[in-house]
PDB file of N, CA and C in Angstrom:
ATOM      1  N   MET A   1     -61.486-150.674  43.633  1.00  0.00           N
ATOM      2  CA  MET A   1     -61.267-151.271  44.281  1.00  0.00           C
ATOM      3  C   MET A   1     -60.365-152.498  43.861  1.00  0.00           C
ATOM      4  N   ASN A   2     -60.728-152.942  42.703  1.00  0.00           N
ATOM      5  CA  ASN A   2     -59.936-154.246  42.654  1.00  0.00           C
ATOM      6  C   ASN A   2     -58.315-153.554  42.244  1.00  0.00           C
ATOM      7  N   VAL A   3     -58.210-152.926  41.828  1.00  0.00           N
ATOM      8  CA  VAL A   3     -56.673-152.285  41.888  1.00  0.00           C
ATOM      9  C   VAL A   3     -56.290-152.183  43.096  1.00  0.00           C
ATOM     10  N   ILE A   4     -56.595-151.557  44.251  1.00  0.00           N
ATOM     11  CA  ILE A   4     -55.987-151.680  45.566  1.00  0.00           C
ATOM     12  C   ILE A   4     -55.923-152.899  45.948  1.00  0.00           C
ATOM     13  N   HIS A   5     -56.963-153.876  45.835  1.00  0.00           N
ATOM     14  CA  HIS A   5     -56.498-155.252  46.312  1.00  0.00           C
ATOM     15  C   HIS A   5     -55.590-155.936  45.499  1.00  0.00           C
ATOM     16  N   ARG A   6     -55.317-155.601  44.339  1.00  0.00           N
ATOM     17  CA  ARG A   6     -54.107-156.334  43.582  1.00  0.00           C
ATOM     18  C   ARG A   6     -52.714-155.684  44.449  1.00  0.00           C
ATOM     19  N   VAL A   7     -52.752-154.143  44.572  1.00  0.00           N
ATOM     20  CA  VAL A   7     -51.211-153.565  44.910  1.00  0.00           C
ATOM     21  C   VAL A   7     -51.311-153.851  46.195  1.00  0.00           C
ATOM     22  N   SER A   8     -52.430-154.073  47.129  1.00  0.00           N
ATOM     23  CA  SER A   8     -52.161-154.312  48.907  1.00  0.00           C
ATOM     24  C   SER A   8     -51.488-156.027  48.512  1.00  0.00           C
ATOM     25  N   LYS A   9     -52.066-156.852  47.796  1.00  0.00           N
ATOM     26  CA  LYS A   9     -51.532-158.362  47.718  1.00  0.00           C
ATOM     27  C   LYS A   9     -49.901-158.304  47.456  1.00  0.00           C
ATOM     28  N   TRP A  10     -49.845-157.762  46.188  1.00  0.00           N
ATOM     29  CA  TRP A  10     -48.416-157.309  45.981  1.00  0.00           C
ATOM     30  C   TRP A  10     -47.501-156.741  46.907  1.00  0.00           C
ATOM     31  N   LEU A  11     -48.148-155.869  47.747  1.00  0.00           N
ATOM     32  CA  LEU A  11     -46.903-155.373  48.519  1.00  0.00           C
ATOM     33  C   LEU A  11     -46.937-156.384  49.671  1.00  0.00           C
ATOM     34  N   HIS A  12     -48.145-157.059  50.097  1.00  0.00           N
ATOM     35  CA  HIS A  12     -47.530-157.787  51.356  1.00  0.00           C
ATOM     36  C   HIS A  12     -46.841-158.917  51.244  1.00  0.00           C
ATOM     37  N   LYS A  13     -46.499-159.201  49.602  1.00  0.00           N
ATOM     38  CA  LYS A  13     -46.050-160.575  49.108  1.00  0.00           C
ATOM     39  C   LYS A  13     -44.291-159.965  49.037  1.00  0.00           C
ATOM     40  N   VAL A  14     -44.159-158.943  48.550  1.00  0.00           N
ATOM     41  CA  VAL A  14     -42.789-158.310  48.556  1.00  0.00           C
ATOM     42  C   VAL A  14     -42.424-158.029  50.051  1.00  0.00           C
ATOM     43  N   LEU A  15     -43.126-157.657  50.654  1.00  0.00           N
ATOM     44  CA  LEU A  15     -42.652-157.123  52.185  1.00  0.00           C
ATOM     45  C   LEU A  15     -42.400-158.455  53.008  1.00  0.00           C
ATOM     46  N   GLY A  16     -43.069-159.459  53.071  1.00  0.00           N
ATOM     47  CA  GLY A  16     -42.928-160.756  53.648  1.00  0.00           C
ATOM     48  C   GLY A  16     -41.675-161.134  53.340  1.00  0.00           C
ATOM     49  N   LEU A  17     -41.604-161.420  51.943  1.00  0.00           N
ATOM     50  CA  LEU A  17     -40.106-162.052  51.326  1.00  0.00           C
ATOM     51  C   LEU A  17     -39.047-161.038  51.704  1.00  0.00           C
ATOM     52  N   ALA A  18     -39.326-159.832  51.827  1.00  0.00           N
ATOM     53  CA  ALA A  18     -37.943-159.075  52.213  1.00  0.00           C
ATOM     54  C   ALA A  18     -37.866-159.175  53.708  1.00  0.00           C
ATOM     55  N   LEU A  19     -38.840-159.139  54.813  1.00  0.00           N
ATOM     56  CA  LEU A  19     -38.521-159.697  55.831  1.00  0.00           C
ATOM     57  C   LEU A  19     -37.877-161.161  56.271  1.00  0.00           C
ATOM     58  N   ILE A  20     -38.435-162.217  55.446  1.00  0.00           N
ATOM     59  CA  ILE A  20     -37.774-163.578  55.489  1.00  0.00           C
ATOM     60  C   ILE A  20     -36.515-163.441  55.400  1.00  0.00           C
ATOM     61  N   LEU A  21     -35.971-162.798  54.135  1.00  0.00           N
ATOM     62  CA  LEU A  21     -34.748-162.675  53.543  1.00  0.00           C
ATOM     63  C   LEU A  21     -33.921-161.793  54.679  1.00  0.00           C
ATOM     64  N   ILE A  22     -34.231-161.105  55.206  1.00  0.00           N
ATOM     65  CA  ILE A  22     -33.462-160.106  56.317  1.00  0.00           C
ATOM     66  C   ILE A  22     -33.613-160.894  57.304  1.00  0.00           C
ATOM     67  N   LEU A  23     -34.143-161.766  57.931  1.00  0.00           N
ATOM     68  CA  LEU A  23     -34.354-162.075  59.214  1.00  0.00           C
ATOM     69  C   LEU A  23     -33.122-163.732  58.737  1.00  0.00           C
ATOM     70  N   PHE A  24     -33.305-164.138  57.618  1.00  0.00           N
ATOM     71  CA  PHE A  24     -32.491-165.457  57.143  1.00  0.00           C
ATOM     72  C   PHE A  24     -30.893-164.741  57.247  1.00  0.00           C
ATOM     73  N   LEU A  25     -30.665-163.598  56.768  1.00  0.00           N
ATOM     74  CA  LEU A  25     -29.360-162.993  56.612  1.00  0.00           C
ATOM     75  C   LEU A  25     -28.499-162.742  58.175  1.00  0.00           C
ATOM     76  N   ILE A  26     -29.403-161.809  58.690  1.00  0.00           N
ATOM     77  CA  ILE A  26     -28.865-161.824  60.310  1.00  0.00           C
ATOM     78  C   ILE A  26     -29.249-163.174  61.109  1.00  0.00           C
ATOM     79  N   TRP A  27     -29.622-163.951  60.743  1.00  0.00           N
ATOM     80  CA  TRP A  27     -29.300-165.500  61.420  1.00  0.00           C
ATOM     81  C   TRP A  27     -28.013-166.276  60.768  1.00  0.00           C
ATOM     82  N   MET A  28     -27.818-165.972  59.611  1.00  0.00           N
ATOM     83  CA  MET A  28     -26.434-166.189  58.910  1.00  0.00           C
ATOM     84  C   MET A  28     -25.044-165.504  59.473  1.00  0.00           C
ATOM     85  N   SER A  29     -25.379-164.205  58.963  1.00  0.00           N
ATOM     86  CA  SER A  29     -24.220-163.524  59.747  1.00  0.00           C
ATOM     87  C   SER A  29     -24.243-163.742  61.427  1.00  0.00           C
ATOM     88  N   LEU A  30     -25.189-164.175  62.143  1.00  0.00           N
ATOM     89  CA  LEU A  30     -24.727-163.951  63.533  1.00  0.00           C
ATOM     90  C   LEU A  30     -23.663-165.350  63.938  1.00  0.00           C
ATOM     91  N   SER A  31     -24.091-166.454  62.938  1.00  0.00           N
ATOM     92  CA  SER A  31     -23.959-167.902  63.260  1.00  0.00           C
ATOM     93  C   SER A  31     -22.387-167.607  62.871  1.00  0.00           C
ATOM     94  N   GLY A  32     -21.752-167.040  61.582  1.00  0.00           N
ATOM     95  CA  GLY A  32     -20.947-166.984  61.118  1.00  0.00           C
ATOM     96  C   GLY A  32     -20.071-166.476  62.189  1.00  0.00           C
ATOM     97  N   VAL A  33     -20.171-165.279  62.966  1.00  0.00           N
ATOM     98  CA  VAL A  33     -19.488-164.455  63.521  1.00  0.00           C
ATOM     99  C   VAL A  33     -19.250-165.515  64.948  1.00  0.00           C
ATOM    100  N   LEU A  34     -20.341-166.311  65.469  1.00  0.00           N
ATOM    101  CA  LEU A  34     -19.979-167.171  66.448  1.00  0.00           C
ATOM    102  C   LEU A  34     -19.193-168.396  66.143  1.00  0.00           C
ATOM    103  N   LEU A  35     -19.372-168.605  64.992  1.00  0.00           N
ATOM    104  CA  LEU A  35     -18.358-169.701  64.484  1.00  0.00           C
ATOM    105  C   LEU A  35     -17.067-169.520  64.264  1.00  0.00           C
ATOM    106  N   ASN A  36     -16.708-168.142  64.119  1.00  0.00           N
ATOM    107  CA  ASN A  36     -15.369-167.727  63.494  1.00  0.00           C
ATOM    108  C   ASN A  36     -14.891-167.339  64.836  1.00  0.00           C
ATOM    109  N   ARG A  37     -15.257-167.359  65.993  1.00  0.00           N
ATOM    110  CA  ARG A  37     -14.710-166.825  67.360  1.00  0.00           C
ATOM    111  C   ARG A  37     -13.797-167.756  67.489  1.00  0.00           C
ATOM    112  N   SER A  38     -12.492-167.309  68.158  1.00  0.00           N
ATOM    113  CA  SER A  38     -11.716-168.420  68.486  1.00  0.00           C
ATOM    114  C   SER A  38     -11.528-168.552  69.969  1.00  0.00           C
ATOM    115  N   ASP A  39     -12.131-167.489  70.570  1.00  0.00           N
ATOM    116  CA  ASP A  39     -11.869-167.447  71.911  1.00  0.00           C
ATOM    117  C   ASP A  39     -13.332-167.770  72.586  1.00  0.00           C
ATOM    118  N   SER A  40     -14.134-168.257  72.008  1.00  0.00           N
ATOM    119  CA  SER A  40     -15.588-168.286  72.435  1.00  0.00           C
ATOM    120  C   SER A  40     -15.515-169.844  73.334  1.00  0.00           C
ATOM    121  N   TRP A  41     -16.643-170.104  74.349  1.00  0.00           N
ATOM    122  CA  TRP A  41     -16.468-171.194  75.155  1.00  0.00           C
ATOM    123  C   TRP A  41     -17.244-172.302  74.251  1.00  0.00           C
ATOM    124  N   PHE A  42     -17.857-172.149  73.080  1.00  0.00           N
ATOM    125  CA  PHE A  42     -18.281-173.483  72.479  1.00  0.00           C
ATOM    126  C   PHE A  42     -17.559-173.146  70.867  1.00  0.00           C
ATOM    127  N   ASN A  43     -16.375-173.297  71.113  1.00  0.00           N
ATOM    128  CA  ASN A  43     -15.793-173.390  69.813  1.00  0.00           C
ATOM    129  C   ASN A  43     -16.156-175.016  69.025  1.00  0.00           C
ATOM    130  N   LEU A  44     -16.800-174.794  67.935  1.00  0.00           N
ATOM    131  CA  LEU A  44     -16.868-175.725  66.939  1.00  0.00           C
ATOM    132  C   LEU A  44     -16.133-176.328  66.167  1.00  0.00           C
ATOM    133  N   ALA A  45     -15.037-175.541  66.176  1.00  0.00           N
ATOM    134  CA  ALA A  45     -14.127-175.659  64.946  1.00  0.00           C
ATOM    135  C   ALA A  45     -13.172-176.368  65.942  1.00  0.00           C
ATOM    136  N   ARG A  46     -12.893-176.417  66.906  1.00  0.00           N
ATOM    137  CA  ARG A  46     -12.306-177.692  67.713  1.00  0.00           C
ATOM    138  C   ARG A  46     -12.700-179.385  68.373  1.00  0.00           C
ATOM    139  N   ALA A  47     -14.032-179.038  68.020  1.00  0.00           N
ATOM    140  CA  ALA A  47     -14.837-180.002  68.751  1.00  0.00           C
ATOM    141  C   ALA A  47     -14.856-181.144  68.027  1.00  0.00           C
TER     142      ALA A  47
END
């Protein structure tokens, strides 16, 4: 039973960190695309 607990704890830690990393990378890519668009109505480069 202790082995199952250790494996489950490790799996949750790895999957949680991977999920946070994926969400962070998606957020950064979307914000990068929005900032680099020159025809957008909220162009921060001109502001």
